[in-house]
C-alpha cells in the first residue's frame, strides 16, 4: 500500500477528531484539578504552619519559668536563704513532649498536603504527556498514521486515561485527611 494512500489520510483525520475530544476532556479535568489542588494546598499549608508550632516547646513559657526561678534566687540571696532551697526549673526542653493529638493532627495535615501536591505534580506531568501526544507530526501520511498509533498505544500502555480518572481520588483522600485533622483539633479544643 502506498505511503500516500487515501486510507492513511482518513485514519489520520478520524484519529485527530478522536484525539481532540479525548485530550480536550482530559485537559479540562486536569485544569480544574490543578486550580483546586493549588488553592487547597495553600489552605493546608496555612494550617500546617500554625499547628506545627504545637510540636515545639513554648519558649515564651520557658523564659517565664526561668525568669521566675531567677527572681526566686535573687530573693533567696537577699533574704540570706540558701540558693539550694529554691527548686530548680530543670531542663525544660528535654521534658517537652508534644501531645498525641498534636502529633496526630500534624501527621494528618502533612499527609494531606503531600497528597495534594502529588496530585498537582502528576497533573502537570499528564498535561505534558498530552501536549506531546498532540504535537504535530511531519512525514508521509503512512508515517504520521504509524506514529499516531504508536502514541495512542503508549497512552493506553501507560494507563493515562485511568491516571487522569484517578487523580481526583488523591484529592478526595487529601480532603478527607484534612477534615479528620480538623475534627481532631476541634475535639482537642473542646476538651479545654
Protein backbone atom coordinates (compact mmCIF):
# COMPACT_ATOMS: atom_id res chain seq x y z
CA UNK A 1 0.00 0.00 0.00
CA UNK A 2 1.31 3.42 -0.94
CA UNK A 3 2.65 5.76 1.74
CA UNK A 4 0.21 8.37 0.42
CA UNK A 5 -2.86 6.10 0.11
CA UNK A 6 -6.24 7.54 0.99
CA UNK A 7 -6.69 5.14 3.91
CA UNK A 8 -3.84 6.80 5.81
CA UNK A 9 -5.29 10.29 5.42
CA UNK A 10 -8.71 9.01 6.53
CA UNK A 11 -7.14 7.32 9.56
CA UNK A 12 -5.25 10.50 10.47
CA UNK A 13 -8.37 12.66 10.10
CA UNK A 14 -10.55 10.34 12.20
CA UNK A 15 -7.78 9.85 14.74
CA UNK A 16 -7.34 13.61 15.04
CA UNK A 17 -11.05 14.04 15.83
CA UNK A 18 -10.94 11.29 18.42
CA UNK A 19 -7.70 12.59 19.94
CA UNK A 20 -9.02 16.14 20.07
CA UNK A 21 -12.10 15.12 22.05
CA UNK A 22 -10.13 12.83 24.36
CA UNK A 23 -7.30 15.28 25.04
CA UNK A 24 -9.62 18.27 25.49
CA UNK A 25 -11.67 16.34 28.06
CA UNK A 26 -8.58 15.26 29.97
CA UNK A 27 -7.03 18.73 29.82
CA UNK A 28 -10.22 20.31 31.17
CA UNK A 29 -10.32 17.84 34.08
CA UNK A 30 -6.65 18.43 34.82
CA UNK A 31 -7.04 22.22 34.70
CA UNK A 32 -9.83 22.09 37.28
CA UNK A 33 -7.81 19.71 39.43
CA UNK A 34 -4.70 21.91 39.26
CA UNK A 35 -6.60 25.01 40.35
CA UNK A 36 -8.27 23.19 43.22
CA UNK A 37 -5.04 21.45 44.30
CA UNK A 38 -3.19 24.77 44.31
CA UNK A 39 -5.79 26.57 46.39
CA UNK A 40 -6.27 23.64 48.74
CA UNK A 41 -2.51 23.22 49.23
CA UNK A 42 -2.26 26.90 50.18
CA UNK A 43 -5.02 26.47 52.77
CA UNK A 44 -3.50 23.29 54.22
CA UNK A 45 -0.06 24.93 54.36
CA UNK A 46 -1.50 27.75 56.45
CA UNK A 47 -2.94 25.26 58.92
CA UNK A 48 0.27 23.19 58.95
CA UNK A 49 2.41 26.24 59.72
CA UNK A 50 0.25 27.11 62.71
CA UNK A 51 -0.24 23.58 64.02
CA UNK A 52 3.43 22.63 63.72
CA UNK A 53 4.15 25.13 66.50
CA UNK A 54 2.48 22.67 68.89
CA UNK A 55 5.27 20.19 68.11
CA UNK A 56 7.90 22.53 69.55
CA UNK A 57 8.46 23.70 73.11
CA UNK A 58 6.83 27.00 74.06
CA UNK A 59 9.94 29.11 74.51
CA UNK A 60 7.94 32.03 75.87
CA UNK A 61 6.64 29.82 78.68
CA UNK A 62 10.17 28.52 79.30
CA UNK A 63 11.52 32.06 79.51
CA UNK A 64 8.82 32.91 82.03
CA UNK A 65 9.70 29.89 84.20
CA UNK A 66 13.42 30.70 84.04
CA UNK A 67 12.73 34.34 84.91
CA UNK A 68 10.60 33.23 87.86
CA UNK A 69 13.42 30.97 89.07
CA UNK A 70 15.93 33.81 88.66
CA UNK A 71 13.75 36.14 90.74
CA UNK A 72 13.35 33.44 93.39
CA UNK A 73 17.14 33.01 93.53
CA UNK A 74 17.64 36.78 93.90
CA UNK A 75 15.06 36.90 96.71
CA UNK A 76 16.73 33.98 98.44
CA UNK A 77 20.10 35.71 98.21
CA UNK A 78 18.64 38.99 99.51
CA UNK A 79 16.99 37.22 102.45
CA UNK A 80 20.07 35.16 103.23
CA UNK A 81 18.41 31.87 102.32
CA UNK A 82 20.42 29.15 100.63
CA UNK A 83 20.05 29.02 96.84
CA UNK A 84 19.62 25.25 97.08
CA UNK A 85 16.25 25.82 98.78
CA UNK A 86 14.87 27.28 95.52
CA UNK A 87 13.52 24.43 93.37
CA UNK A 88 15.32 24.28 90.02
CA UNK A 89 13.35 24.61 86.84
CA UNK A 90 15.22 21.75 85.20
CA UNK A 91 15.88 21.08 81.55
CA UNK A 92 12.59 22.22 80.09
CA UNK A 93 13.45 21.36 76.50
CA UNK A 94 14.16 17.70 77.27
CA UNK A 95 10.97 17.49 79.35
CA UNK A 96 8.80 18.69 76.48
CA UNK A 97 6.73 16.03 74.72
CA UNK A 98 4.14 17.04 72.13
CA UNK A 99 0.72 15.61 72.84
CA UNK A 100 -0.65 12.67 70.90
CA UNK A 101 -3.37 14.91 69.48
CA UNK A 102 -0.80 17.43 68.20
CA UNK A 103 1.21 14.69 66.52
CA UNK A 104 -1.95 13.14 65.05
CA UNK A 105 -3.30 16.43 63.67
CA UNK A 106 0.07 17.37 62.19
CA UNK A 107 0.53 13.92 60.67
CA UNK A 108 -2.90 14.05 59.04
CA UNK A 109 -2.30 17.54 57.68
CA UNK A 110 1.21 16.83 56.40
CA UNK A 111 -0.03 13.70 54.60
CA UNK A 112 -2.96 15.71 53.24
CA UNK A 113 -0.56 18.33 51.91
CA UNK A 114 1.68 15.66 50.39
CA UNK A 115 -1.27 14.03 48.60
CA UNK A 116 -2.48 17.38 47.30
CA UNK A 117 0.96 18.30 45.98
CA UNK A 118 1.37 14.82 44.47
CA UNK A 119 -1.93 15.27 42.69
CA UNK A 120 -0.82 18.63 41.30
CA UNK A 121 2.56 17.23 40.25
CA UNK A 122 1.00 14.24 38.50
CA UNK A 123 -1.50 16.54 36.78
CA UNK A 124 1.34 18.63 35.38
CA UNK A 125 3.13 15.51 34.13
CA UNK A 126 -0.01 14.21 32.42
CA UNK A 127 -0.63 17.61 30.82
CA UNK A 128 2.91 17.48 29.42
CA UNK A 129 2.29 13.97 28.09
CA UNK A 130 -0.92 15.13 26.45
CA UNK A 131 0.83 18.10 24.89
CA UNK A 132 3.49 15.79 23.45
CA UNK A 133 0.76 13.39 22.29
CA UNK A 134 -0.99 16.06 20.24
CA UNK A 135 2.23 17.57 18.86
CA UNK A 136 2.08 17.79 15.06
CA UNK A 137 3.73 15.01 13.14
CA UNK A 138 5.53 15.50 9.85
CA UNK A 139 6.17 12.95 7.14
CA UNK A 140 4.10 10.90 4.74
CA UNK A 141 0.51 10.03 5.70
CA UNK A 142 1.56 6.44 6.45
CA UNK A 143 4.38 7.63 8.75
CA UNK A 144 2.02 10.04 10.51
CA UNK A 145 -0.59 7.29 10.92
CA UNK A 146 2.03 4.90 12.30
CA UNK A 147 3.35 7.49 14.76
CA UNK A 148 -0.17 8.47 15.85
CA UNK A 149 -0.98 4.80 16.51
CA UNK A 150 2.31 4.37 18.38
CA UNK A 151 1.50 7.35 20.60
CA UNK A 152 -2.06 6.16 21.19
CA UNK A 153 -0.86 2.68 22.21
CA UNK A 154 1.69 4.31 24.52
CA UNK A 155 -1.07 6.38 26.10
CA UNK A 156 -3.03 3.19 26.72
CA UNK A 157 0.02 1.23 27.92
CA UNK A 158 0.79 3.93 30.49
CA UNK A 159 -2.89 3.97 31.56
CA UNK A 160 -3.08 7.73 31.12
CA UNK A 161 -6.91 7.85 30.94
CA UNK A 162 -7.07 5.81 34.16
CA UNK A 163 -4.48 8.05 35.75
CA UNK A 164 -6.49 11.15 34.85
CA UNK A 165 -9.59 9.49 36.33
CA UNK A 166 -7.66 8.50 39.48
CA UNK A 167 -6.07 11.85 40.28
CA UNK A 168 -9.26 13.26 41.83
CA UNK A 169 -9.20 10.29 44.22
CA UNK A 170 -5.89 11.61 45.59
CA UNK A 171 -7.55 14.97 46.17
CA UNK A 172 -10.52 13.28 47.87
CA UNK A 173 -8.13 11.42 50.18
CA UNK A 174 -6.31 14.68 50.86
CA UNK A 175 -9.59 16.40 51.74
CA UNK A 176 -10.62 13.50 53.98
CA UNK A 177 -7.34 13.60 55.91
CA UNK A 178 -7.55 17.37 56.27
CA UNK A 179 -11.08 17.15 57.68
CA UNK A 180 -10.10 14.30 60.03
CA UNK A 181 -7.28 16.50 61.33
CA UNK A 182 -9.70 19.40 61.70
CA UNK A 183 -12.15 17.23 63.64
CA UNK A 184 -9.36 16.02 65.94
CA UNK A 185 -8.16 19.59 66.51
CA UNK A 186 -11.68 20.79 67.30
CA UNK A 187 -12.22 17.84 69.65
CA UNK A 188 -8.99 18.76 71.44
CA UNK A 189 -10.08 22.39 71.74
CA UNK A 190 -13.48 21.29 73.03
CA UNK A 191 -11.82 19.43 75.92
CA UNK A 192 -10.17 22.65 77.02
